Each structure stands twice: as C-alpha cells, then as structure tokens.
Amino acid sequence: MPAHSAPAKPSPPNLLFVLVDQWRGQALGFLGEDPVVTPHLDRFSTEGLVLPQAVSNYPVCSPYRAMLMTGQYPINNGVLGNSNSRGAQLGYELRKNALCWSDVLHDRGYRQAWIGKWHLESPRKPYVKCENNSATFAWNEWTPPARRHGFDFWYAYNTFDYHMNPLYWANDTPRDKPLRVNQWGPEHEADKAIAFIRETAAARRPFACVVSMNPPHMPYTAFPKRYLKAYEGKSMEQIVTRGNVNILGKGKFAQLARAHTRNYYAMMTGVDDQFGRILKALRDANLARNTIVVFTSDHGNCIGSHNQVSKNNHYEESMRIPFLIRWPGKIPVRKDDLLFSVPDVYPTLLSLMGFGRDIPEKVEGTDYSRLFRTGKGQRPTSQLYLKIGYVPRDQGSRGVRTHRYTLRIEKREEGTVQRYLHDNQADSWQLKNIAAERPKLVGQLIEKELQPWLSKTKDPWKP
C-alpha cells in the first residue's frame, strides 16, 4: 500500500438482537438463581457484558416494544398499554412517523430483518381470522409495509400464542392470507434468521436482524417435550425454589406454580437451544467478530410469586430482565450492576455502531456506550417504573427501582392510593411492604428519584 494511502475504514458492525417474551432476569443458569438449564447463554455470558440489574420500566409487551424502538417513555411514544382491539381505541400502537433506530440504520444502508413477534400494531375491523381474534376482541394484525420502519425483510405477526402452529406475514403476504407453519415458533424463527444471515453475508452488506421469539410466554404446554429431559428426576421443591411462592398451598397461585414452572423452564431451555443455533450460524459465516449480539426480554414472569399470575407489576420477577451483549474486542467481558432500562437501548446501540450523531433529539434514553466499552461514566441511581393501561394518564402507577429499594405508588380509579416499598437487600423475596413504617424514606425516594423522572418525561401523574 502506498505510504500516502489512508487506512481502510472499518466495516460498520452488524447487529443481531434476540428478543424473547416473558423471560425473567433470574432465570439464567450461570446466575445460580432459578434452576434453569441454559448452556448456550451460560457460555455466551463468558464472552461479553452481563447486566444483572437491567429492568423493564413498564413490564408488559407493547409498552416495552415501543420504548425499545423509539427510545422514548410511554407518555411520549403513545403506547400506554397493549396493542389490541381495546388499545386500538386509544391509539396504542407504534406511530407511523416515529423515528426508530431501525429507520436510522435503514438510512445508513443496512439490510434489516424482523422475524417473529411484533406486537406494535392495533387490530382493525374486520379482524384477521385466526385463533386469538374473535368477532368482539382481537390481538393479531398484519403490519402494512409503510409501517415496518426500515425492516426490508419482514417475517412477523403481531401477537399469536399458538407456538406449535404459528402464523406469519412475509414481505408480500396479503393481510387475509397469513402463512401457516407446522413447527415450533422459536425453531422456525431460528431457521429464518440463519438463512437471512447466510444470504446477507454473501452479499457483503451490513445487517441488523431482530429475532423476536414469543416463548417462554404462555401457554406453557406448547413446546417440544424433548426439552423436559433437562428437568427429569427433579422434585417440585427443586424446581419451584423462590421463597415468595407457597408451593404447598391450595390456592390458585400455588397450583399455577406447581403446574407450570417446570414447563416454563423447559421452554427457556428450548429457546436457549435455538439461540445457540443462531450463534453457530454467525461463526460459520465468519461474522461473529463484527456482529454485536444482544439477548434480552421484554419483561419477566411471576408465575405464582407474590400471588401474581405473570407480569405488569413492580416485583423483581416481573421487572428484572436478562440483558447480555457481546462484541468481541470492543466490549470487555464482565458483569456490571448498571441500572439499565429499555429506552437506553436505542442510543447505546446506535452509538456503539458508530451512529451516535444520528440519535434523534426526541430520544429520552441514555447513551451508555462508553460505560459498556470501558466501565467508566455516569451511572443512574434509579430507573422509572410505570403501569398505565387503559386509565387516564394522571392515574395508574409510577415508581422507581434503585439498587436497594423498589417503590410503587398506585392511584386507583376509586380515588384511593396504595404505596409499596420493598428493601431488596434485607428482603430479597419482597415479602414485606414497609411503606407504612418508613414514610420518610418514601418521601425521599419521591423527591430525589421519582420526581426527576416525572419531570424528564413530562408525565402529568402527581405523587
């Protein structure tokens, strides 16, 4: 090379973003909390950054996904509850004019794929004919090409819980003719992701691929039973180990935990298996070193803990989510207790990929790319918690989670207010609500932590 020639500009990194549904942050084998078998994630954790304190600010499907795509909190992105036929009446869907991170990458020449669950489209009448849509209430919907935000490879559905017989809309599939598949959803989606990776590698074009798997979302019976082998011979006491579940009880929540926890873990083992297949495809295509890989979830799952069926509450089983990220040679291998949350994903990823200057001003999340790379940088002292749903914006719940405390203030429709405060160090199972006996601490958390979040997000809710 001539002495005066400039060095070759490094190729922009690829992005593989694996998003699963209802996988709580405690359920990772290498953490030693829940007794789940996840060999591929265990190995992956030794190759990148693990954030055990990552949280879902609003732990339910559509609000999480809107925060992920826009980098904005629900008050400003407009998705205050799930995108279904009820939410459609309130405009709960990803706005067509939203500037998503995928729009930015599209403008930068990336080929992009969304494979699997979308859940950001509100159903419209006449509803698509499928098992989880009825004449009076609907969940599933086709997403028009103009609303796909830069994803030029589309193989998705809105929400559909028949995991052994899923349906999808491909790029040109008509709304009334979704594709039916006789294969477990995560396995089929891994097949599609592997094919996309191979095709894009041959084209030598940077890519961003989101693989959005619905399991371990219920139903807990819809998965290949071979994944139960990892849990054979284990007693119920060895499976249901959380101290906030009464597995000997006769109530419905104890029955829920006994009936489904083993299958919940088996579904995770199955998803882990598919994640391993996708990682192997990256290696085989010689793309592993220049691909940022993320594994995370939209929210957790109580499955009987705290007498809760599932998610959309402030408890650790609901709020804490896995967040693992690998970029060999760029992000050091370690665990970090950073209080990382959903809107932070957008600016952090774009900045890591070299597009920090393209982050829109409307993005409310924080760019932690420097901290990811070096471990240095300013750290938050709390993260915001929300639950709004189908009530006015000045109602519902708001709160914060710090490293030690979880605070939730719930404004009920009848005008009453319920406060929850948990000391997560002294009471790791969150068995005791200490709000009434610690009013001064409640006030301090409101003033120093919650109020700044409300101001930042221009939230009309008042504590």
Protein backbone atom coordinates (compact mmCIF):
# COMPACT_ATOMS: atom_id res chain seq x y z
CA MET A 1 0.00 0.00 0.00
CA PRO A 2 1.41 3.44 -0.89
CA ALA A 3 2.64 5.43 2.08
CA HIS A 4 0.16 8.23 1.44
CA SER A 5 -2.90 5.95 1.33
CA ALA A 6 -5.41 6.33 4.15
CA PRO A 7 -6.08 3.24 6.26
CA ALA A 8 -9.17 1.28 5.30
CA LYS A 9 -12.26 2.42 7.13
CA PRO A 10 -13.56 -0.35 9.41
CA SER A 11 -16.75 -2.02 8.30
CA PRO A 12 -19.79 -0.99 10.35
CA PRO A 13 -20.83 -3.73 12.75
CA ASN A 14 -23.80 -5.98 12.22
CA LEU A 15 -26.49 -6.29 14.88
CA LEU A 16 -28.21 -9.48 16.00
CA PHE A 17 -30.90 -8.68 18.57
CA VAL A 18 -32.62 -11.70 20.11
CA LEU A 19 -35.73 -10.62 22.00
CA VAL A 20 -37.76 -13.19 23.90
CA ASP A 21 -41.05 -12.78 25.72
CA GLN A 22 -41.72 -13.19 29.43
CA TRP A 23 -38.23 -14.43 30.42
CA ARG A 24 -37.41 -13.18 33.89
CA GLY A 25 -33.93 -11.99 34.73
CA GLN A 26 -33.40 -14.57 37.47
CA ALA A 27 -33.76 -17.45 35.01
CA LEU A 28 -30.22 -17.73 33.67
CA GLY A 29 -28.28 -20.82 34.62
CA PHE A 30 -24.98 -19.01 35.22
CA LEU A 31 -26.56 -16.67 37.79
CA GLY A 32 -27.45 -19.56 40.09
CA GLU A 33 -30.87 -18.16 41.00
CA ASP A 34 -33.63 -20.11 39.22
CA PRO A 35 -32.75 -23.77 38.46
CA VAL A 36 -32.99 -23.36 34.69
CA VAL A 37 -30.73 -25.09 32.16
CA THR A 38 -29.27 -22.61 29.65
CA PRO A 39 -25.90 -23.92 28.39
CA HIS A 40 -25.62 -21.58 25.38
CA LEU A 41 -26.43 -18.48 27.40
CA ASP A 42 -24.03 -19.66 30.11
CA ARG A 43 -21.26 -19.79 27.52
CA PHE A 44 -22.37 -16.50 25.96
CA SER A 45 -22.13 -14.81 29.37
CA THR A 46 -18.39 -15.56 29.40
CA GLU A 47 -17.93 -13.74 26.09
CA GLY A 48 -19.49 -10.34 26.76
CA LEU A 49 -21.18 -7.95 29.16
CA VAL A 50 -23.93 -9.11 31.52
CA LEU A 51 -26.24 -6.60 33.22
CA PRO A 52 -27.99 -8.45 36.07
CA GLN A 53 -29.76 -5.24 37.19
CA ALA A 54 -31.40 -4.48 33.82
CA VAL A 55 -35.10 -3.70 34.17
CA SER A 56 -38.22 -3.36 32.06
CA ASN A 57 -39.71 0.01 33.04
CA TYR A 58 -43.23 -1.00 32.04
CA PRO A 59 -43.15 -4.80 32.16
CA VAL A 60 -45.73 -5.73 29.56
CA CYS A 61 -45.38 -6.47 25.84
CA SER A 62 -46.36 -3.45 23.73
CA PRO A 63 -45.14 -0.67 26.05
CA TYR A 64 -41.74 -2.38 26.25
CA ARG A 65 -41.50 -2.76 22.48
CA ALA A 66 -42.45 0.85 21.83
CA MET A 67 -39.78 2.04 24.29
CA LEU A 68 -37.26 -0.24 22.59
CA MET A 69 -37.99 1.05 19.11
CA THR A 70 -38.37 4.78 19.91
CA GLY A 71 -36.06 5.32 22.90
CA GLN A 72 -38.96 7.21 24.49
CA TYR A 73 -41.01 6.52 27.61
CA PRO A 74 -44.70 5.61 27.14
CA ILE A 75 -46.08 9.06 27.94
CA ASN A 76 -44.29 10.39 24.85
CA ASN A 77 -44.33 7.43 22.45
CA GLY A 78 -48.08 6.98 22.98
CA VAL A 79 -48.12 3.23 23.72
CA LEU A 80 -49.56 3.25 27.24
CA GLY A 81 -50.90 -0.31 27.16
CA ASN A 82 -51.03 -3.40 24.99
CA SER A 83 -51.81 -3.13 21.29
CA ASN A 84 -55.10 -5.00 21.00
CA SER A 85 -58.61 -4.07 19.93
CA ARG A 86 -59.14 -2.16 23.18
CA GLY A 87 -55.84 -0.35 22.82
CA ALA A 88 -56.78 0.49 19.22
CA GLN A 89 -59.50 2.81 20.52
CA LEU A 90 -56.80 4.78 22.38
CA GLY A 91 -54.16 4.77 19.64
CA TYR A 92 -51.87 2.27 21.38
CA GLU A 93 -49.57 1.35 18.51
CA LEU A 94 -46.20 2.40 17.14
CA ARG A 95 -46.73 5.65 15.28
CA LYS A 96 -46.04 5.66 11.56
CA ASN A 97 -43.97 8.84 11.91
CA ALA A 98 -41.90 7.54 14.85
CA LEU A 99 -38.17 7.72 14.13
CA CYS A 100 -36.99 4.30 15.25
CA TRP A 101 -33.39 3.12 15.46
CA SER A 102 -34.21 0.83 12.54
CA ASP A 103 -35.14 3.88 10.45
CA VAL A 104 -31.70 5.32 11.19
CA LEU A 105 -29.92 2.11 10.20
CA HIS A 106 -32.03 1.81 7.06
CA ASP A 107 -30.88 5.27 6.01
CA ARG A 108 -27.30 4.13 6.64
CA GLY A 109 -27.61 1.27 4.16
CA TYR A 110 -28.30 -1.65 6.48
CA ARG A 111 -30.32 -4.63 5.36
CA GLN A 112 -32.73 -5.34 8.19
CA ALA A 113 -34.93 -8.25 9.27
CA TRP A 114 -37.71 -8.51 11.80
CA ILE A 115 -38.53 -12.15 12.46
CA GLY A 116 -41.27 -13.15 14.90
CA LYS A 117 -43.49 -11.24 17.31
CA TRP A 118 -44.02 -7.51 16.66
CA HIS A 119 -46.97 -6.54 18.91
CA LEU A 120 -46.97 -2.86 17.98
CA GLU A 121 -49.95 -2.87 15.60
CA SER A 122 -53.53 -2.33 16.77
CA PRO A 123 -56.10 -4.71 15.24
CA ARG A 124 -58.60 -3.13 12.87
CA LYS A 125 -62.04 -4.29 11.77
CA PRO A 126 -62.78 -6.55 10.08
CA TYR A 127 -60.36 -8.51 12.26
CA VAL A 128 -57.98 -11.02 10.73
CA LYS A 129 -59.44 -14.51 11.03
CA CYS A 130 -57.22 -16.51 13.39
CA GLU A 131 -57.44 -18.33 16.70
CA ASN A 132 -56.72 -15.40 19.03
CA ASN A 133 -59.07 -12.98 17.26
CA SER A 134 -62.81 -13.17 17.86
CA ALA A 135 -65.66 -11.09 16.49
CA THR A 136 -65.54 -8.86 19.58
CA PHE A 137 -61.87 -8.79 20.66
CA ALA A 138 -58.63 -9.13 18.74
CA TRP A 139 -54.86 -9.33 19.28
CA ASN A 140 -53.32 -10.26 15.95
CA GLU A 141 -52.89 -7.94 12.97
CA TRP A 142 -50.95 -7.51 9.75
CA THR A 143 -48.44 -4.65 9.59
CA PRO A 144 -48.54 -2.71 6.29
CA PRO A 145 -45.14 -2.21 4.60
CA ALA A 146 -45.27 1.54 5.23
CA ARG A 147 -45.37 0.86 8.98
CA ARG A 148 -42.40 -1.54 9.16
CA HIS A 149 -39.81 1.13 9.99
CA GLY A 150 -36.99 0.14 7.69
CA PHE A 151 -37.21 -3.65 8.05
CA ASP A 152 -36.95 -4.81 4.44
CA PHE A 153 -37.09 -8.50 5.36
CA TRP A 154 -40.37 -8.97 7.19
CA TYR A 155 -41.48 -12.31 8.61
CA ALA A 156 -43.70 -11.46 11.52
CA TYR A 157 -47.04 -11.40 13.30
CA ASN A 158 -48.47 -9.01 15.86
CA THR A 159 -49.18 -11.46 18.66
CA PHE A 160 -50.18 -15.11 18.37
CA ASP A 161 -49.76 -17.66 21.15
CA TYR A 162 -50.17 -20.94 19.26
CA HIS A 163 -46.48 -21.74 19.38
CA MET A 164 -46.60 -25.19 17.78
CA ASN A 165 -48.61 -23.90 14.80
CA PRO A 166 -47.59 -20.26 14.38
CA LEU A 167 -48.54 -17.93 11.57
CA TYR A 168 -46.58 -15.16 9.85
CA TRP A 169 -46.81 -12.45 7.26
CA ALA A 170 -43.81 -12.32 4.93
CA ASN A 171 -42.83 -9.26 2.87
CA ASP A 172 -45.63 -9.56 0.33
CA THR A 173 -48.14 -11.75 2.18
CA PRO A 174 -51.70 -10.36 1.90
CA ARG A 175 -53.45 -9.42 5.14
CA ASP A 176 -56.10 -12.11 4.73
CA LYS A 177 -53.67 -14.92 3.84
CA PRO A 178 -51.09 -15.35 6.62
CA LEU A 179 -48.65 -18.22 6.26
CA ARG A 180 -49.33 -21.24 8.50
CA VAL A 181 -46.40 -23.25 9.81
CA ASN A 182 -46.29 -26.68 11.44
CA GLN A 183 -43.14 -26.13 13.53
CA TRP A 184 -42.31 -24.73 16.98
CA GLY A 185 -42.12 -20.95 16.63
CA PRO A 186 -38.59 -20.38 18.03
CA GLU A 187 -37.15 -23.19 15.91
CA HIS A 188 -38.81 -21.85 12.76
CA GLU A 189 -37.68 -18.30 13.53
CA ALA A 190 -34.12 -19.51 14.12
CA ASP A 191 -34.26 -21.20 10.70
CA LYS A 192 -35.32 -17.93 9.11
CA ALA A 193 -32.62 -15.96 10.96
CA ILE A 194 -29.92 -18.43 9.92
CA ALA A 195 -30.99 -18.19 6.28
CA PHE A 196 -31.02 -14.38 6.49
CA ILE A 197 -27.52 -14.32 8.00
CA ARG A 198 -26.14 -16.60 5.28
CA GLU A 199 -27.75 -14.62 2.45
CA THR A 200 -26.65 -11.26 3.82
CA ALA A 201 -23.10 -12.50 4.47
CA ALA A 202 -22.83 -13.49 0.82
CA ALA A 203 -23.99 -10.01 -0.22
CA ARG A 204 -21.30 -8.36 1.98
CA ARG A 205 -23.76 -5.81 3.32
CA PRO A 206 -24.16 -4.75 6.97
CA PHE A 207 -27.28 -6.11 8.59
CA ALA A 208 -29.49 -5.74 11.63
CA CYS A 209 -31.61 -8.77 12.49
CA VAL A 210 -34.20 -8.90 15.26
CA VAL A 211 -35.38 -12.38 16.21
CA SER A 212 -38.42 -11.91 18.42
CA MET A 213 -39.50 -15.21 19.97
CA ASN A 214 -42.78 -15.50 21.87
CA PRO A 215 -41.89 -18.40 24.23
CA PRO A 216 -41.48 -18.74 27.15
CA HIS A 217 -44.73 -16.76 27.06
CA MET A 218 -47.71 -18.92 27.91
CA PRO A 219 -49.30 -21.34 27.07
CA TYR A 220 -46.85 -23.49 28.98
CA THR A 221 -47.83 -26.65 27.11
CA ALA A 222 -46.90 -25.53 23.58
CA PHE A 223 -43.29 -26.63 23.14
CA PRO A 224 -41.33 -29.74 22.07
CA LYS A 225 -41.36 -32.07 25.05
CA ARG A 226 -37.76 -33.13 24.45
CA TYR A 227 -36.72 -30.06 26.41
CA LEU A 228 -38.25 -31.53 29.57
CA LYS A 229 -35.38 -34.04 29.72
CA ALA A 230 -33.15 -31.45 31.38
CA TYR A 231 -35.52 -31.46 34.36
CA GLU A 232 -36.22 -35.18 34.71
CA GLY A 233 -35.91 -36.56 38.21
CA LYS A 234 -36.17 -33.17 39.91
CA SER A 235 -38.72 -32.80 42.67
CA MET A 236 -41.17 -29.91 42.85
CA GLU A 237 -39.08 -28.42 45.67
CA GLN A 238 -36.05 -28.48 43.35
CA ILE A 239 -37.99 -26.74 40.57
CA VAL A 240 -40.02 -24.11 42.45
CA THR A 241 -37.32 -22.58 44.63
CA ARG A 242 -38.42 -18.97 45.01
CA GLY A 243 -39.19 -18.00 48.59
CA ASN A 244 -42.25 -15.98 47.60
CA VAL A 245 -44.20 -18.97 46.25
CA ASN A 246 -46.15 -21.24 48.57
CA ILE A 247 -45.84 -24.48 46.65
CA LEU A 248 -47.64 -26.44 49.38
CA GLY A 249 -50.67 -24.17 49.30
CA LYS A 250 -54.08 -25.00 47.88
CA GLY A 251 -54.74 -21.62 46.27
CA LYS A 252 -54.71 -20.94 42.54
CA PHE A 253 -51.28 -19.29 42.57
CA ALA A 254 -49.62 -22.23 44.30
CA GLN A 255 -51.35 -24.51 41.80
CA LEU A 256 -50.13 -22.30 38.96
CA ALA A 257 -46.52 -22.57 40.13
CA ARG A 258 -46.72 -26.34 40.59
CA ALA A 259 -48.42 -26.89 37.25
CA HIS A 260 -46.27 -24.74 35.00
CA THR A 261 -42.84 -23.78 36.40
CA ARG A 262 -41.13 -26.92 35.08
CA ASN A 263 -42.55 -26.31 31.60
CA TYR A 264 -41.65 -22.62 31.80
CA TYR A 265 -38.03 -23.58 32.37
CA ALA A 266 -38.15 -26.23 29.65
CA MET A 267 -39.35 -23.61 27.17
CA MET A 268 -36.35 -21.48 28.16
CA THR A 269 -34.03 -24.41 27.56
CA GLY A 270 -35.58 -24.75 24.11
CA VAL A 271 -35.12 -21.07 23.31
CA ASP A 272 -31.53 -21.32 24.55
CA ASP A 273 -31.02 -24.19 22.11
CA GLN A 274 -32.26 -22.05 19.21
CA PHE A 275 -30.09 -19.12 20.33
CA GLY A 276 -27.11 -21.45 20.15
CA ARG A 277 -28.01 -22.42 16.59
CA ILE A 278 -28.11 -18.76 15.51
CA LEU A 279 -24.75 -18.05 17.15
CA LYS A 280 -23.24 -21.01 15.30
CA ALA A 281 -24.52 -19.58 12.01
CA LEU A 282 -22.70 -16.33 12.79
CA ARG A 283 -19.47 -18.23 13.44
CA ASP A 284 -19.85 -20.34 10.32
CA ALA A 285 -20.30 -17.17 8.24
CA ASN A 286 -17.19 -15.61 9.84
CA LEU A 287 -19.33 -12.75 11.16
CA ALA A 288 -19.03 -13.26 14.91
CA ARG A 289 -16.25 -10.72 15.49
CA ASN A 290 -18.01 -7.87 13.72
CA THR A 291 -21.52 -8.52 14.99
CA ILE A 292 -22.99 -7.02 18.13
CA VAL A 293 -25.21 -9.69 19.67
CA VAL A 294 -27.86 -8.87 22.28
CA PHE A 295 -30.05 -11.29 24.21
CA THR A 296 -32.86 -9.78 26.27
CA SER A 297 -36.55 -10.00 27.16
CA ASP A 298 -39.50 -7.62 27.22
CA HIS A 299 -40.41 -8.44 30.82
CA GLY A 300 -40.34 -11.21 33.37
CA ASN A 301 -42.91 -13.58 34.84
CA CYS A 302 -44.15 -14.16 38.38
CA ILE A 303 -45.88 -17.50 37.69
CA GLY A 304 -47.21 -17.63 41.27
CA SER A 305 -44.70 -15.41 43.06
CA HIS A 306 -46.44 -12.75 45.19
CA ASN A 307 -49.77 -14.34 44.24
CA GLN A 308 -49.36 -12.92 40.73
CA VAL A 309 -50.14 -14.75 37.52
CA SER A 310 -47.50 -13.16 35.34
CA LYS A 311 -46.16 -9.63 34.69
CA ASN A 312 -47.17 -5.93 34.68
CA ASN A 313 -46.26 -5.34 38.32
CA HIS A 314 -43.32 -3.92 40.26
CA TYR A 315 -41.94 -7.17 41.67
CA GLU A 316 -38.46 -8.37 40.73
CA GLU A 317 -39.79 -11.41 38.88
CA SER A 318 -41.67 -9.02 36.59
CA MET A 319 -39.27 -6.07 36.26
CA ARG A 320 -35.86 -7.71 36.06
CA ILE A 321 -34.90 -8.92 32.61
CA PRO A 322 -31.84 -10.59 31.11
CA PHE A 323 -29.55 -8.29 29.16
CA LEU A 324 -26.39 -9.75 27.67
CA ILE A 325 -24.35 -8.11 24.91
CA ARG A 326 -21.27 -9.35 23.05
CA TRP A 327 -18.91 -7.55 20.68
CA PRO A 328 -15.53 -9.29 20.66
CA GLY A 329 -12.60 -6.96 21.19
CA LYS A 330 -14.87 -3.95 21.76
CA ILE A 331 -16.94 -4.70 24.87
CA PRO A 332 -14.92 -6.29 27.72
CA VAL A 333 -16.17 -9.48 29.34
CA ARG A 334 -17.67 -8.74 32.75
CA LYS A 335 -20.77 -8.34 34.89
CA ASP A 336 -21.87 -4.80 35.70
CA ASP A 337 -24.57 -3.65 38.14
CA LEU A 338 -25.62 -0.75 35.90
CA LEU A 339 -29.30 0.13 36.30
CA PHE A 340 -30.00 -0.19 32.59
CA SER A 341 -33.51 0.14 31.17
CA VAL A 342 -35.41 -0.10 27.92
CA PRO A 343 -35.18 3.43 26.43
CA ASP A 344 -31.40 3.28 26.92
CA VAL A 345 -31.05 0.51 24.33
CA TYR A 346 -31.67 2.78 21.31
CA PRO A 347 -28.98 5.43 21.94
CA THR A 348 -26.49 2.94 23.37
CA LEU A 349 -26.64 0.63 20.36
CA LEU A 350 -26.55 3.40 17.76
CA SER A 351 -23.56 4.97 19.46
CA LEU A 352 -21.73 1.64 19.70
CA MET A 353 -22.34 1.11 15.98
CA GLY A 354 -20.83 4.49 15.10
CA PHE A 355 -24.03 6.45 14.58
CA GLY A 356 -24.16 8.47 17.78
CA ARG A 357 -24.58 11.69 15.82
CA ASP A 358 -27.76 10.29 14.27
CA ILE A 359 -29.58 9.83 17.59
CA PRO A 360 -32.73 11.99 17.38
CA GLU A 361 -33.26 14.73 19.96
CA LYS A 362 -36.59 13.16 20.94
CA VAL A 363 -34.85 10.04 22.28
CA GLU A 364 -35.15 10.06 26.08
CA GLY A 365 -32.92 7.11 26.89
CA THR A 366 -29.29 7.49 27.97
CA ASP A 367 -26.30 6.51 25.85
CA TYR A 368 -24.19 4.10 27.92
CA SER A 369 -21.87 3.07 25.09
CA ARG A 370 -18.78 4.47 26.85
CA LEU A 371 -19.68 2.61 30.01
CA PHE A 372 -20.20 -0.59 28.01
CA ARG A 373 -16.74 -0.22 26.47
CA THR A 374 -14.76 0.99 29.49
CA GLY A 375 -16.83 0.54 32.65
CA LYS A 376 -16.47 4.29 33.19
CA GLY A 377 -19.10 7.00 33.03
CA GLN A 378 -22.03 8.46 34.90
CA ARG A 379 -24.46 5.95 36.35
CA PRO A 380 -28.14 6.37 37.21
CA THR A 381 -29.27 5.93 40.80
CA SER A 382 -32.71 4.64 39.80
CA GLN A 383 -34.94 3.60 36.94
CA LEU A 384 -38.55 4.57 36.35
CA TYR A 385 -41.44 2.14 36.80
CA LEU A 386 -44.83 2.65 35.13
CA LYS A 387 -48.20 0.97 34.83
CA ILE A 388 -50.90 2.88 32.98
CA GLY A 389 -53.07 0.64 30.83
CA TYR A 390 -56.49 1.97 29.93
CA VAL A 391 -56.91 4.67 32.59
CA PRO A 392 -56.20 8.42 32.20
CA ARG A 393 -52.52 9.38 32.16
CA ASP A 394 -52.71 11.01 35.59
CA GLN A 395 -53.80 7.69 37.13
CA GLY A 396 -52.19 4.27 37.30
CA SER A 397 -48.87 3.53 38.98
CA ARG A 398 -45.48 5.16 38.98
CA GLY A 399 -42.40 4.28 40.95
CA VAL A 400 -38.67 3.74 40.94
CA ARG A 401 -36.24 0.92 41.38
CA THR A 402 -32.85 1.68 42.90
CA HIS A 403 -30.14 -0.83 43.66
CA ARG A 404 -31.69 -1.32 47.09
CA TYR A 405 -35.34 -0.25 47.01
CA THR A 406 -38.42 -0.67 44.87
CA LEU A 407 -41.12 1.98 45.32
CA ARG A 408 -44.54 1.87 43.68
CA ILE A 409 -47.39 4.33 44.19
CA GLU A 410 -50.69 3.13 42.78
CA LYS A 411 -53.54 5.56 42.16
CA ARG A 412 -56.73 3.55 41.94
CA GLU A 413 -59.81 4.55 39.98
CA GLU A 414 -61.94 4.92 43.10
CA GLY A 415 -59.54 7.59 44.34
CA THR A 416 -57.52 5.60 46.88
CA VAL A 417 -53.73 5.44 46.86
CA GLN A 418 -51.67 2.35 47.70
CA ARG A 419 -47.93 2.58 48.36
CA TYR A 420 -45.48 -0.29 48.14
CA LEU A 421 -41.89 -0.14 49.35
CA HIS A 422 -39.52 -3.10 49.39
CA ASP A 423 -35.97 -3.30 50.72
CA ASN A 424 -34.47 -5.68 48.18
CA GLN A 425 -31.30 -6.20 50.21
CA ALA A 426 -32.88 -7.01 53.56
CA ASP A 427 -35.88 -8.76 51.97
CA SER A 428 -34.77 -10.24 48.67
CA TRP A 429 -38.08 -12.04 48.15
CA GLN A 430 -40.01 -8.76 48.64
CA LEU A 431 -42.29 -10.37 51.20
CA LYS A 432 -42.82 -7.26 53.31
CA ASN A 433 -44.27 -3.92 52.27
CA ILE A 434 -42.52 -1.37 54.51
CA ALA A 435 -44.11 1.79 53.06
CA ALA A 436 -46.27 2.49 56.12
CA GLU A 437 -43.38 2.13 58.59
CA ARG A 438 -40.87 4.11 56.50
CA PRO A 439 -42.79 7.25 55.39
CA LYS A 440 -39.66 9.41 55.50
CA LEU A 441 -37.85 7.08 53.11
CA VAL A 442 -40.89 7.05 50.80
CA GLY A 443 -40.77 10.84 50.74
CA GLN A 444 -37.05 10.89 50.00
CA LEU A 445 -37.42 8.45 47.11
CA ILE A 446 -40.26 10.51 45.68
CA GLU A 447 -38.33 13.77 45.93
CA LYS A 448 -34.88 12.59 44.86
CA GLU A 449 -35.70 9.82 42.40
CA LEU A 450 -39.30 9.71 41.19
CA GLN A 451 -39.98 13.41 40.76
CA PRO A 452 -36.98 13.96 38.44
CA TRP A 453 -38.22 11.11 36.23
CA LEU A 454 -41.72 12.59 36.08
CA SER A 455 -40.26 15.96 35.11
CA LYS A 456 -37.95 14.47 32.49
CA THR A 457 -40.76 12.54 30.81
CA LYS A 458 -43.33 15.38 31.16
CA ASP A 459 -45.67 13.00 32.95
CA PRO A 460 -48.91 14.59 34.27
CA TRP A 461 -49.09 12.00 37.06
CA LYS A 462 -48.59 13.50 40.55
CA PRO A 463 -47.33 11.54 43.58
